[in-house]
């Protein structure tokens, strides 16, 4: 199954202006990395975002947001957001900025 190319292009349009962010094919989708740490991406139709613990606790309560679970293994502080949860540029940019902030706070890989 292919991933949401439209969402990936929307993300690229914002992320191409940021230094040090690269995209890489991952888990049948695409991931955007900061200093080797994944910040966000696309898995199937959903937006993936890496968050800090406090942002995760808030985000998981929102509509269209769920824990990123790969094969029965929930990933700590990672979320999936359905397409309905990232409609509109401002909403998407808020999610991307949170993921970039978290990935930027980690040691480079």
C-alpha atoms as a PDB file:
ATOM      1  CA  UNK A   1       0.000   0.000   0.000  1.00  0.00           C
ATOM      2  CA  UNK A   2       1.354   3.395  -0.903  1.00  0.00           C
ATOM      3  CA  UNK A   3       1.428   6.355   1.430  1.00  0.00           C
ATOM      4  CA  UNK A   4      -0.421   9.675   1.224  1.00  0.00           C
ATOM      5  CA  UNK A   5       1.625  11.546  -1.391  1.00  0.00           C
ATOM      6  CA  UNK A   6      -0.483  14.701  -1.078  1.00  0.00           C
ATOM      7  CA  UNK A   7       0.238  14.919   2.648  1.00  0.00           C
ATOM      8  CA  UNK A   8       3.940  14.247   2.032  1.00  0.00           C
ATOM      9  CA  UNK A   9       4.093  17.118  -0.468  1.00  0.00           C
ATOM     10  CA  UNK A  10       2.298  19.455   1.925  1.00  0.00           C
ATOM     11  CA  UNK A  11       4.904  18.580   4.537  1.00  0.00           C
ATOM     12  CA  UNK A  12       7.808  19.039   2.104  1.00  0.00           C
ATOM     13  CA  UNK A  13       6.545  22.512   1.178  1.00  0.00           C
ATOM     14  CA  UNK A  14       7.006  23.589   4.799  1.00  0.00           C
ATOM     15  CA  UNK A  15      10.055  21.536   5.695  1.00  0.00           C
ATOM     16  CA  UNK A  16      12.156  22.459   2.658  1.00  0.00           C
ATOM     17  CA  UNK A  17      12.752  25.878   4.225  1.00  0.00           C
ATOM     18  CA  UNK A  18      14.320  24.303   7.327  1.00  0.00           C
ATOM     19  CA  UNK A  19      18.028  23.514   7.448  1.00  0.00           C
ATOM     20  CA  UNK A  20      19.165  20.038   8.367  1.00  0.00           C
ATOM     21  CA  UNK A  21      15.918  18.222   7.570  1.00  0.00           C
ATOM     22  CA  UNK A  22      16.073  15.289   5.203  1.00  0.00           C
ATOM     23  CA  UNK A  23      13.408  12.875   4.052  1.00  0.00           C
ATOM     24  CA  UNK A  24      13.886   9.140   3.955  1.00  0.00           C
ATOM     25  CA  UNK A  25      11.694   6.230   2.927  1.00  0.00           C
ATOM     26  CA  UNK A  26      10.653   4.336   6.068  1.00  0.00           C
ATOM     27  CA  UNK A  27       8.063   1.674   7.025  1.00  0.00           C
ATOM     28  CA  UNK A  28       6.441   1.872   3.591  1.00  0.00           C
ATOM     29  CA  UNK A  29       6.046   5.637   3.955  1.00  0.00           C
ATOM     30  CA  UNK A  30       8.324   8.612   4.427  1.00  0.00           C
ATOM     31  CA  UNK A  31      10.048  10.100   7.449  1.00  0.00           C
ATOM     32  CA  UNK A  32      11.496  13.565   7.928  1.00  0.00           C
ATOM     33  CA  UNK A  33      14.636  13.583  10.065  1.00  0.00           C
ATOM     34  CA  UNK A  34      16.480  16.283  11.999  1.00  0.00           C
ATOM     35  CA  UNK A  35      20.113  15.416  12.715  1.00  0.00           C
ATOM     36  CA  UNK A  36      19.265  11.758  12.123  1.00  0.00           C
ATOM     37  CA  UNK A  37      16.253  11.756  14.475  1.00  0.00           C
ATOM     38  CA  UNK A  38      12.816  11.294  12.984  1.00  0.00           C
ATOM     39  CA  UNK A  39      10.532  14.250  13.661  1.00  0.00           C
ATOM     40  CA  UNK A  40       7.479  13.434  11.564  1.00  0.00           C
ATOM     41  CA  UNK A  41       6.375  11.480   8.563  1.00  0.00           C
ATOM     42  CA  UNK A  42       3.600   9.749   6.697  1.00  0.00           C
ATOM     43  CA  UNK A  43       2.436   6.182   7.293  1.00  0.00           C
ATOM     44  CA  UNK A  44      -0.267   5.011   4.910  1.00  0.00           C
ATOM     45  CA  UNK A  45      -2.771   7.899   5.060  1.00  0.00           C
ATOM     46  CA  UNK A  46      -1.735   9.296   8.438  1.00  0.00           C
ATOM     47  CA  UNK A  47       0.637  11.942   9.702  1.00  0.00           C
ATOM     48  CA  UNK A  48       3.206  10.665  12.219  1.00  0.00           C
ATOM     49  CA  UNK A  49       4.586  13.088  14.818  1.00  0.00           C
ATOM     50  CA  UNK A  50       7.189  12.611  17.540  1.00  0.00           C
ATOM     51  CA  UNK A  51       6.341  14.550  20.703  1.00  0.00           C
ATOM     52  CA  UNK A  52       7.731  15.176  24.143  1.00  0.00           C
ATOM     53  CA  UNK A  53       5.872  13.474  26.979  1.00  0.00           C
ATOM     54  CA  UNK A  54       3.743  16.463  27.985  1.00  0.00           C
ATOM     55  CA  UNK A  55       2.701  17.263  24.392  1.00  0.00           C
ATOM     56  CA  UNK A  56       1.899  13.575  23.901  1.00  0.00           C
ATOM     57  CA  UNK A  57      -0.454  13.538  26.901  1.00  0.00           C
ATOM     58  CA  UNK A  58      -2.329  16.539  25.506  1.00  0.00           C
ATOM     59  CA  UNK A  59      -2.347  15.377  21.877  1.00  0.00           C
ATOM     60  CA  UNK A  60      -3.640  11.880  22.559  1.00  0.00           C
ATOM     61  CA  UNK A  61      -6.868  13.406  23.927  1.00  0.00           C
ATOM     62  CA  UNK A  62      -7.615  15.213  20.660  1.00  0.00           C
ATOM     63  CA  UNK A  63      -9.961  13.934  17.954  1.00  0.00           C
ATOM     64  CA  UNK A  64      -8.323  12.062  15.053  1.00  0.00           C
ATOM     65  CA  UNK A  65      -5.179  11.319  17.110  1.00  0.00           C
ATOM     66  CA  UNK A  66      -4.035   7.905  18.281  1.00  0.00           C
ATOM     67  CA  UNK A  67      -0.874   6.217  19.501  1.00  0.00           C
ATOM     68  CA  UNK A  68       1.522   5.127  16.756  1.00  0.00           C
ATOM     69  CA  UNK A  69       1.498   1.357  17.053  1.00  0.00           C
ATOM     70  CA  UNK A  70       3.720  -0.751  14.822  1.00  0.00           C
ATOM     71  CA  UNK A  71       2.548  -4.329  14.889  1.00  0.00           C
ATOM     72  CA  UNK A  72       1.206  -4.311  18.437  1.00  0.00           C
ATOM     73  CA  UNK A  73       4.095  -2.307  19.875  1.00  0.00           C
ATOM     74  CA  UNK A  74       2.969   1.223  20.817  1.00  0.00           C
ATOM     75  CA  UNK A  75       5.756   3.745  20.344  1.00  0.00           C
ATOM     76  CA  UNK A  76       6.350   6.024  23.308  1.00  0.00           C
ATOM     77  CA  UNK A  77       5.396   9.657  22.601  1.00  0.00           C
ATOM     78  CA  UNK A  78       4.613   9.013  18.915  1.00  0.00           C
ATOM     79  CA  UNK A  79       1.194   9.738  17.458  1.00  0.00           C
ATOM     80  CA  UNK A  80      -0.706   9.118  14.258  1.00  0.00           C
ATOM     81  CA  UNK A  81      -3.109  11.783  13.061  1.00  0.00           C
ATOM     82  CA  UNK A  82      -5.763  10.862  10.527  1.00  0.00           C
ATOM     83  CA  UNK A  83      -6.160  13.111   7.473  1.00  0.00           C
ATOM     84  CA  UNK A  84      -9.165  14.808   9.120  1.00  0.00           C
ATOM     85  CA  UNK A  85      -6.905  15.923  11.974  1.00  0.00           C
ATOM     86  CA  UNK A  86      -4.410  17.790   9.793  1.00  0.00           C
ATOM     87  CA  UNK A  87      -6.637  19.643   7.365  1.00  0.00           C
ATOM     88  CA  UNK A  88      -5.508  23.207   6.809  1.00  0.00           C
ATOM     89  CA  UNK A  89      -2.042  24.657   6.683  1.00  0.00           C
ATOM     90  CA  UNK A  90      -1.969  26.114  10.207  1.00  0.00           C
ATOM     91  CA  UNK A  91      -2.973  22.840  11.838  1.00  0.00           C
ATOM     92  CA  UNK A  92      -0.417  20.859   9.850  1.00  0.00           C
ATOM     93  CA  UNK A  93       2.346  23.367  10.624  1.00  0.00           C
ATOM     94  CA  UNK A  94       1.619  23.188  14.359  1.00  0.00           C
ATOM     95  CA  UNK A  95       2.034  19.412  14.297  1.00  0.00           C
ATOM     96  CA  UNK A  96       5.204  19.596  12.208  1.00  0.00           C
ATOM     97  CA  UNK A  97       6.726  22.268  14.439  1.00  0.00           C
ATOM     98  CA  UNK A  98       6.121  20.113  17.526  1.00  0.00           C
ATOM     99  CA  UNK A  99       7.807  17.138  15.883  1.00  0.00           C
ATOM    100  CA  UNK A 100      10.767  19.222  14.723  1.00  0.00           C
ATOM    101  CA  UNK A 101      11.182  20.742  18.191  1.00  0.00           C
ATOM    102  CA  UNK A 102      11.250  17.294  19.806  1.00  0.00           C
ATOM    103  CA  UNK A 103      13.660  15.775  17.275  1.00  0.00           C
ATOM    104  CA  UNK A 104      15.917  18.856  17.510  1.00  0.00           C
ATOM    105  CA  UNK A 105      16.137  18.417  21.273  1.00  0.00           C
ATOM    106  CA  UNK A 106      17.711  14.977  20.901  1.00  0.00           C
ATOM    107  CA  UNK A 107      21.429  14.236  20.421  1.00  0.00           C
ATOM    108  CA  UNK A 108      22.405  13.856  16.746  1.00  0.00           C
ATOM    109  CA  UNK A 109      22.662  10.321  15.398  1.00  0.00           C
END
